[in-house]
Amino acid sequence: GLHEVMPIDNALSAMVLQRASAADIEKEA
């Protein structure tokens, strides 16, 4: 298997709620 796992912390959760771009979320992760 190839795996990509992105644990969600408070910073990433806030980015999702603020509708940040997928690229910005990926960069932060």
PDB file of all heavy atoms in Angstrom:
ATOM      1  N   GLY A   1       0.810  -1.211   0.000  1.00  0.00           N
ATOM      2  CA  GLY A   1       0.000   0.000   0.000  1.00  0.00           C
ATOM      3  C   GLY A   1       0.842   1.259   0.000  1.00  0.00           C
ATOM      4  O   GLY A   1       1.934   1.301   0.560  1.00  0.00           O
ATOM      5  N   LEU A   2       0.327   2.269  -0.657  1.00  0.00           N
ATOM      6  CA  LEU A   2       0.861   3.624  -0.537  1.00  0.00           C
ATOM      7  C   LEU A   2      -0.134   4.373   0.336  1.00  0.00           C
ATOM      8  O   LEU A   2      -1.338   4.270   0.140  1.00  0.00           O
ATOM      9  CB  LEU A   2       0.958   4.299  -1.903  1.00  0.00           C
ATOM     10  CG  LEU A   2       1.867   3.646  -2.916  1.00  0.00           C
ATOM     11  CD1 LEU A   2       1.886   4.467  -4.202  1.00  0.00           C
ATOM     12  CD2 LEU A   2       3.264   3.472  -2.374  1.00  0.00           C
ATOM     13  N   HIS A   3       0.391   5.113   1.291  1.00  0.00           N
ATOM     14  CA  HIS A   3      -0.492   5.749   2.264  1.00  0.00           C
ATOM     15  C   HIS A   3      -0.207   7.242   2.389  1.00  0.00           C
ATOM     16  O   HIS A   3       0.940   7.662   2.394  1.00  0.00           O
ATOM     17  CB  HIS A   3      -0.321   5.101   3.643  1.00  0.00           C
ATOM     18  CG  HIS A   3      -0.542   3.630   3.609  1.00  0.00           C
ATOM     19  ND1 HIS A   3      -1.793   3.073   3.597  1.00  0.00           N
ATOM     20  CD2 HIS A   3       0.321   2.587   3.559  1.00  0.00           C
ATOM     21  CE1 HIS A   3      -1.689   1.764   3.552  1.00  0.00           C
ATOM     22  NE2 HIS A   3      -0.409   1.445   3.531  1.00  0.00           N
ATOM     23  N   GLU A   4      -1.279   7.985   2.483  1.00  0.00           N
ATOM     24  CA  GLU A   4      -1.208   9.417   2.760  1.00  0.00           C
ATOM     25  C   GLU A   4      -2.185   9.668   3.900  1.00  0.00           C
ATOM     26  O   GLU A   4      -3.388   9.540   3.722  1.00  0.00           O
ATOM     27  CB  GLU A   4      -1.596  10.212   1.514  1.00  0.00           C
ATOM     28  CG  GLU A   4      -1.557  11.701   1.710  1.00  0.00           C
ATOM     29  CD  GLU A   4      -1.821  12.441   0.417  1.00  0.00           C
ATOM     30  OE1 GLU A   4      -3.002  12.648   0.082  1.00  0.00           O
ATOM     31  OE2 GLU A   4      -0.857  12.804  -0.264  1.00  0.00           O
ATOM     32  N   VAL A   5      -1.642   9.977   5.043  1.00  0.00           N
ATOM     33  CA  VAL A   5      -2.476  10.203   6.226  1.00  0.00           C
ATOM     34  C   VAL A   5      -2.235  11.625   6.710  1.00  0.00           C
ATOM     35  O   VAL A   5      -1.093  12.048   6.872  1.00  0.00           O
ATOM     36  CB  VAL A   5      -2.130   9.196   7.345  1.00  0.00           C
ATOM     37  CG1 VAL A   5      -2.961   9.467   8.585  1.00  0.00           C
ATOM     38  CG2 VAL A   5      -2.345   7.769   6.848  1.00  0.00           C
ATOM     39  N   MET A   6      -3.309  12.350   6.932  1.00  0.00           N
ATOM     40  CA  MET A   6      -3.194  13.734   7.365  1.00  0.00           C
ATOM     41  C   MET A   6      -3.903  13.901   8.705  1.00  0.00           C
ATOM     42  O   MET A   6      -5.125  14.062   8.757  1.00  0.00           O
ATOM     43  CB  MET A   6      -3.814  14.673   6.322  1.00  0.00           C
ATOM     44  CG  MET A   6      -3.655  16.138   6.671  1.00  0.00           C
ATOM     45  SD  MET A   6      -4.251  17.254   5.381  1.00  0.00           S
ATOM     46  CE  MET A   6      -6.015  17.131   5.605  1.00  0.00           C
ATOM     47  N   PRO A   7      -3.150  13.840   9.794  1.00  0.00           N
ATOM     48  CA  PRO A   7      -3.769  14.113  11.099  1.00  0.00           C
ATOM     49  C   PRO A   7      -4.270  15.560  11.135  1.00  0.00           C
ATOM     50  O   PRO A   7      -3.579  16.468  10.670  1.00  0.00           O
ATOM     51  CB  PRO A   7      -2.629  13.907  12.095  1.00  0.00           C
ATOM     52  CG  PRO A   7      -1.597  13.122  11.361  1.00  0.00           C
ATOM     53  CD  PRO A   7      -1.751  13.483   9.920  1.00  0.00           C
ATOM     54  N   ILE A   8      -5.453  15.737  11.642  1.00  0.00           N
ATOM     55  CA  ILE A   8      -6.053  17.076  11.700  1.00  0.00           C
ATOM     56  C   ILE A   8      -5.866  17.652  13.102  1.00  0.00           C
ATOM     57  O   ILE A   8      -6.358  17.097  14.079  1.00  0.00           O
ATOM     58  CB  ILE A   8      -7.556  17.021  11.365  1.00  0.00           C
ATOM     59  CG1 ILE A   8      -7.790  16.410   9.985  1.00  0.00           C
ATOM     60  CG2 ILE A   8      -8.180  18.409  11.461  1.00  0.00           C
ATOM     61  CD1 ILE A   8      -7.307  17.246   8.832  1.00  0.00           C
ATOM     62  N   ASP A   9      -5.125  18.744  13.168  1.00  0.00           N
ATOM     63  CA  ASP A   9      -4.975  19.450  14.442  1.00  0.00           C
ATOM     64  C   ASP A   9      -5.831  20.713  14.393  1.00  0.00           C
ATOM     65  O   ASP A   9      -6.567  20.948  13.434  1.00  0.00           O
ATOM     66  CB  ASP A   9      -3.500  19.754  14.723  1.00  0.00           C
ATOM     67  CG  ASP A   9      -2.900  20.733  13.737  1.00  0.00           C
ATOM     68  OD1 ASP A   9      -3.611  21.192  12.814  1.00  0.00           O
ATOM     69  OD2 ASP A   9      -1.708  21.053  13.885  1.00  0.00           O
ATOM     70  N   ASN A  10      -5.727  21.534  15.417  1.00  0.00           N
ATOM     71  CA  ASN A  10      -6.552  22.749  15.470  1.00  0.00           C
ATOM     72  C   ASN A  10      -6.265  23.696  14.314  1.00  0.00           C
ATOM     73  O   ASN A  10      -7.186  24.310  13.773  1.00  0.00           O
ATOM     74  CB  ASN A  10      -6.359  23.460  16.807  1.00  0.00           C
ATOM     75  CG  ASN A  10      -6.992  22.698  17.951  1.00  0.00           C
ATOM     76  OD1 ASN A  10      -7.894  21.888  17.738  1.00  0.00           O
ATOM     77  ND2 ASN A  10      -6.522  22.945  19.166  1.00  0.00           N
ATOM     78  N   ALA A  11      -5.000  23.836  13.932  1.00  0.00           N
ATOM     79  CA  ALA A  11      -4.647  24.754  12.844  1.00  0.00           C
ATOM     80  C   ALA A  11      -5.249  24.294  11.521  1.00  0.00           C
ATOM     81  O   ALA A  11      -5.834  25.091  10.779  1.00  0.00           O
ATOM     82  CB  ALA A  11      -3.127  24.863  12.727  1.00  0.00           C
ATOM     83  N   LEU A  12      -5.136  23.004  11.227  1.00  0.00           N
ATOM     84  CA  LEU A  12      -5.706  22.495   9.979  1.00  0.00           C
ATOM     85  C   LEU A  12      -7.226  22.541  10.011  1.00  0.00           C
ATOM     86  O   LEU A  12      -7.870  22.861   9.006  1.00  0.00           O
ATOM     87  CB  LEU A  12      -5.219  21.072   9.700  1.00  0.00           C
ATOM     88  CG  LEU A  12      -3.775  20.967   9.226  1.00  0.00           C
ATOM     89  CD1 LEU A  12      -3.320  19.517   9.189  1.00  0.00           C
ATOM     90  CD2 LEU A  12      -3.601  21.598   7.859  1.00  0.00           C
ATOM     91  N   SER A  13      -7.799  22.238  11.155  1.00  0.00           N
ATOM     92  CA  SER A  13      -9.251  22.305  11.296  1.00  0.00           C
ATOM     93  C   SER A  13      -9.752  23.729  11.024  1.00  0.00           C
ATOM     94  O   SER A  13     -10.742  23.922  10.313  1.00  0.00           O
ATOM     95  CB  SER A  13      -9.654  21.859  12.691  1.00  0.00           C
ATOM     96  OG  SER A  13     -11.047  21.901  12.831  1.00  0.00           O
ATOM     97  N   ALA A  14      -9.052  24.709  11.552  1.00  0.00           N
ATOM     98  CA  ALA A  14      -9.429  26.105  11.330  1.00  0.00           C
ATOM     99  C   ALA A  14      -9.322  26.470   9.851  1.00  0.00           C
ATOM    100  O   ALA A  14     -10.190  27.167   9.322  1.00  0.00           O
ATOM    101  CB  ALA A  14      -8.554  27.020  12.171  1.00  0.00           C
ATOM    102  N   MET A  15      -8.275  25.961   9.192  1.00  0.00           N
ATOM    103  CA  MET A  15      -8.121  26.244   7.758  1.00  0.00           C
ATOM    104  C   MET A  15      -9.281  25.663   6.959  1.00  0.00           C
ATOM    105  O   MET A  15      -9.798  26.302   6.040  1.00  0.00           O
ATOM    106  CB  MET A  15      -6.795  25.688   7.239  1.00  0.00           C
ATOM    107  CG  MET A  15      -5.572  26.429   7.754  1.00  0.00           C
ATOM    108  SD  MET A  15      -4.039  25.722   7.135  1.00  0.00           S
ATOM    109  CE  MET A  15      -4.047  26.353   5.442  1.00  0.00           C
ATOM    110  N   VAL A  16      -9.707  24.466   7.312  1.00  0.00           N
ATOM    111  CA  VAL A  16     -10.837  23.834   6.619  1.00  0.00           C
ATOM    112  C   VAL A  16     -12.103  24.656   6.843  1.00  0.00           C
ATOM    113  O   VAL A  16     -12.849  24.944   5.896  1.00  0.00           O
ATOM    114  CB  VAL A  16     -11.022  22.380   7.094  1.00  0.00           C
ATOM    115  CG1 VAL A  16     -12.327  21.793   6.571  1.00  0.00           C
ATOM    116  CG2 VAL A  16      -9.841  21.513   6.668  1.00  0.00           C
ATOM    117  N   LEU A  17     -12.350  25.038   8.094  1.00  0.00           N
ATOM    118  CA  LEU A  17     -13.551  25.817   8.405  1.00  0.00           C
ATOM    119  C   LEU A  17     -13.550  27.176   7.712  1.00  0.00           C
ATOM    120  O   LEU A  17     -14.615  27.714   7.391  1.00  0.00           O
ATOM    121  CB  LEU A  17     -13.695  25.985   9.914  1.00  0.00           C
ATOM    122  CG  LEU A  17     -14.026  24.699  10.673  1.00  0.00           C
ATOM    123  CD1 LEU A  17     -13.961  24.935  12.178  1.00  0.00           C
ATOM    124  CD2 LEU A  17     -15.380  24.161  10.258  1.00  0.00           C
ATOM    125  N   GLN A  18     -12.356  27.727   7.486  1.00  0.00           N
ATOM    126  CA  GLN A  18     -12.244  29.021   6.802  1.00  0.00           C
ATOM    127  C   GLN A  18     -12.218  28.855   5.279  1.00  0.00           C
ATOM    128  O   GLN A  18     -12.019  29.812   4.555  1.00  0.00           O
ATOM    129  CB  GLN A  18     -10.988  29.747   7.268  1.00  0.00           C
ATOM    130  CG  GLN A  18     -11.045  30.144   8.715  1.00  0.00           C
ATOM    131  CD  GLN A  18      -9.695  30.613   9.246  1.00  0.00           C
ATOM    132  OE1 GLN A  18      -8.708  30.665   8.528  1.00  0.00           O
ATOM    133  NE2 GLN A  18      -9.648  30.938  10.526  1.00  0.00           N
ATOM    134  N   ARG A  19     -12.391  27.613   4.832  1.00  0.00           N
ATOM    135  CA  ARG A  19     -12.429  27.298   3.403  1.00  0.00           C
ATOM    136  C   ARG A  19     -11.139  27.683   2.677  1.00  0.00           C
ATOM    137  O   ARG A  19     -11.159  28.231   1.569  1.00  0.00           O
ATOM    138  CB  ARG A  19     -13.635  27.914   2.727  1.00  0.00           C
ATOM    139  CG  ARG A  19     -14.952  27.411   3.288  1.00  0.00           C
ATOM    140  CD  ARG A  19     -16.131  27.964   2.502  1.00  0.00           C
ATOM    141  NE  ARG A  19     -17.380  27.568   3.088  1.00  0.00           N
ATOM    142  CZ  ARG A  19     -18.072  26.498   2.719  1.00  0.00           C
ATOM    143  NH1 ARG A  19     -17.612  25.731   1.775  1.00  0.00           N
ATOM    144  NH2 ARG A  19     -19.217  26.210   3.299  1.00  0.00           N
ATOM    145  N   ALA A  20     -10.013  27.390   3.317  1.00  0.00           N
ATOM    146  CA  ALA A  20      -8.719  27.610   2.674  1.00  0.00           C
ATOM    147  C   ALA A  20      -8.616  26.689   1.464  1.00  0.00           C
ATOM    148  O   ALA A  20      -9.293  25.656   1.387  1.00  0.00           O
ATOM    149  CB  ALA A  20      -7.591  27.310   3.660  1.00  0.00           C
ATOM    150  N   SER A  21      -7.758  27.049   0.541  1.00  0.00           N
ATOM    151  CA  SER A  21      -7.609  26.221  -0.661  1.00  0.00           C
ATOM    152  C   SER A  21      -6.971  24.881  -0.299  1.00  0.00           C
ATOM    153  O   SER A  21      -6.255  24.757   0.703  1.00  0.00           O
ATOM    154  CB  SER A  21      -6.732  26.942  -1.690  1.00  0.00           C
ATOM    155  OG  SER A  21      -5.389  26.966  -1.247  1.00  0.00           O
ATOM    156  N   ALA A  22      -7.223  23.889  -1.128  1.00  0.00           N
ATOM    157  CA  ALA A  22      -6.637  22.564  -0.911  1.00  0.00           C
ATOM    158  C   ALA A  22      -5.117  22.646  -0.927  1.00  0.00           C
ATOM    159  O   ALA A  22      -4.442  21.966  -0.143  1.00  0.00           O
ATOM    160  CB  ALA A  22      -7.137  21.591  -1.970  1.00  0.00           C
ATOM    161  N   ALA A  23      -4.576  23.490  -1.787  1.00  0.00           N
ATOM    162  CA  ALA A  23      -3.118  23.641  -1.859  1.00  0.00           C
ATOM    163  C   ALA A  23      -2.554  24.208  -0.567  1.00  0.00           C
ATOM    164  O   ALA A  23      -1.505  23.751  -0.083  1.00  0.00           O
ATOM    165  CB  ALA A  23      -2.742  24.533  -3.046  1.00  0.00           C
ATOM    166  N   ASP A  24      -3.245  25.198   0.012  1.00  0.00           N
ATOM    167  CA  ASP A  24      -2.783  25.775   1.276  1.00  0.00           C
ATOM    168  C   ASP A  24      -2.872  24.769   2.419  1.00  0.00           C
ATOM    169  O   ASP A  24      -1.977  24.684   3.258  1.00  0.00           O
ATOM    170  CB  ASP A  24      -3.584  27.033   1.626  1.00  0.00           C
ATOM    171  CG  ASP A  24      -3.250  28.220   0.732  1.00  0.00           C
ATOM    172  OD1 ASP A  24      -2.181  28.181   0.073  1.00  0.00           O
ATOM    173  OD2 ASP A  24      -4.059  29.162   0.685  1.00  0.00           O
ATOM    174  N   ILE A  25      -3.942  23.998   2.429  1.00  0.00           N
ATOM    175  CA  ILE A  25      -4.107  22.984   3.475  1.00  0.00           C
ATOM    176  C   ILE A  25      -3.028  21.920   3.331  1.00  0.00           C
ATOM    177  O   ILE A  25      -2.404  21.513   4.316  1.00  0.00           O
ATOM    178  CB  ILE A  25      -5.518  22.372   3.425  1.00  0.00           C
ATOM    179  CG1 ILE A  25      -6.555  23.434   3.833  1.00  0.00           C
ATOM    180  CG2 ILE A  25      -5.612  21.137   4.320  1.00  0.00           C
ATOM    181  CD1 ILE A  25      -7.992  23.019   3.594  1.00  0.00           C
ATOM    182  N   GLU A  26      -2.779  21.483   2.106  1.00  0.00           N
ATOM    183  CA  GLU A  26      -1.731  20.479   1.888  1.00  0.00           C
ATOM    184  C   GLU A  26      -0.367  21.008   2.310  1.00  0.00           C
ATOM    185  O   GLU A  26       0.403  20.308   2.976  1.00  0.00           O
ATOM    186  CB  GLU A  26      -1.679  20.041   0.427  1.00  0.00           C
ATOM    187  CG  GLU A  26      -0.599  18.999   0.187  1.00  0.00           C
ATOM    188  CD  GLU A  26      -0.489  18.552  -1.255  1.00  0.00           C
ATOM    189  OE1 GLU A  26      -1.065  19.195  -2.154  1.00  0.00           O
ATOM    190  OE2 GLU A  26       0.202  17.546  -1.491  1.00  0.00           O
ATOM    191  N   LYS A  27      -0.068  22.249   1.959  1.00  0.00           N
ATOM    192  CA  LYS A  27       1.230  22.824   2.326  1.00  0.00           C
ATOM    193  C   LYS A  27       1.399  22.839   3.847  1.00  0.00           C
ATOM    194  O   LYS A  27       2.439  22.459   4.368  1.00  0.00           O
ATOM    195  CB  LYS A  27       1.386  24.229   1.766  1.00  0.00           C
ATOM    196  CG  LYS A  27       2.729  24.850   2.104  1.00  0.00           C
ATOM    197  CD  LYS A  27       2.844  26.263   1.581  1.00  0.00           C
ATOM    198  CE  LYS A  27       4.180  26.883   1.893  1.00  0.00           C
ATOM    199  NZ  LYS A  27       4.744  26.621   3.190  1.00  0.00           N
ATOM    200  N   GLU A  28       0.365  23.265   4.546  1.00  0.00           N
ATOM    201  CA  GLU A  28       0.426  23.297   6.008  1.00  0.00           C
ATOM    202  C   GLU A  28       0.593  21.888   6.578  1.00  0.00           C
ATOM    203  O   GLU A  28       1.389  21.670   7.487  1.00  0.00           O
ATOM    204  CB  GLU A  28      -0.844  23.947   6.584  1.00  0.00           C
ATOM    205  CG  GLU A  28      -0.902  23.984   8.095  1.00  0.00           C
ATOM    206  CD  GLU A  28       0.176  24.844   8.734  1.00  0.00           C
ATOM    207  OE1 GLU A  28       0.713  25.760   8.082  1.00  0.00           O
ATOM    208  OE2 GLU A  28       0.491  24.585   9.921  1.00  0.00           O
ATOM    209  N   ALA A  29      -0.139  20.934   6.028  1.00  0.00           N
ATOM    210  CA  ALA A  29      -0.043  19.553   6.522  1.00  0.00           C
ATOM    211  C   ALA A  29       1.355  18.980   6.281  1.00  0.00           C
ATOM    212  O   ALA A  29       1.924  18.330   7.165  1.00  0.00           O
ATOM    213  CB  ALA A  29      -1.098  18.682   5.842  1.00  0.00           C
TER     214      ALA A  29
END
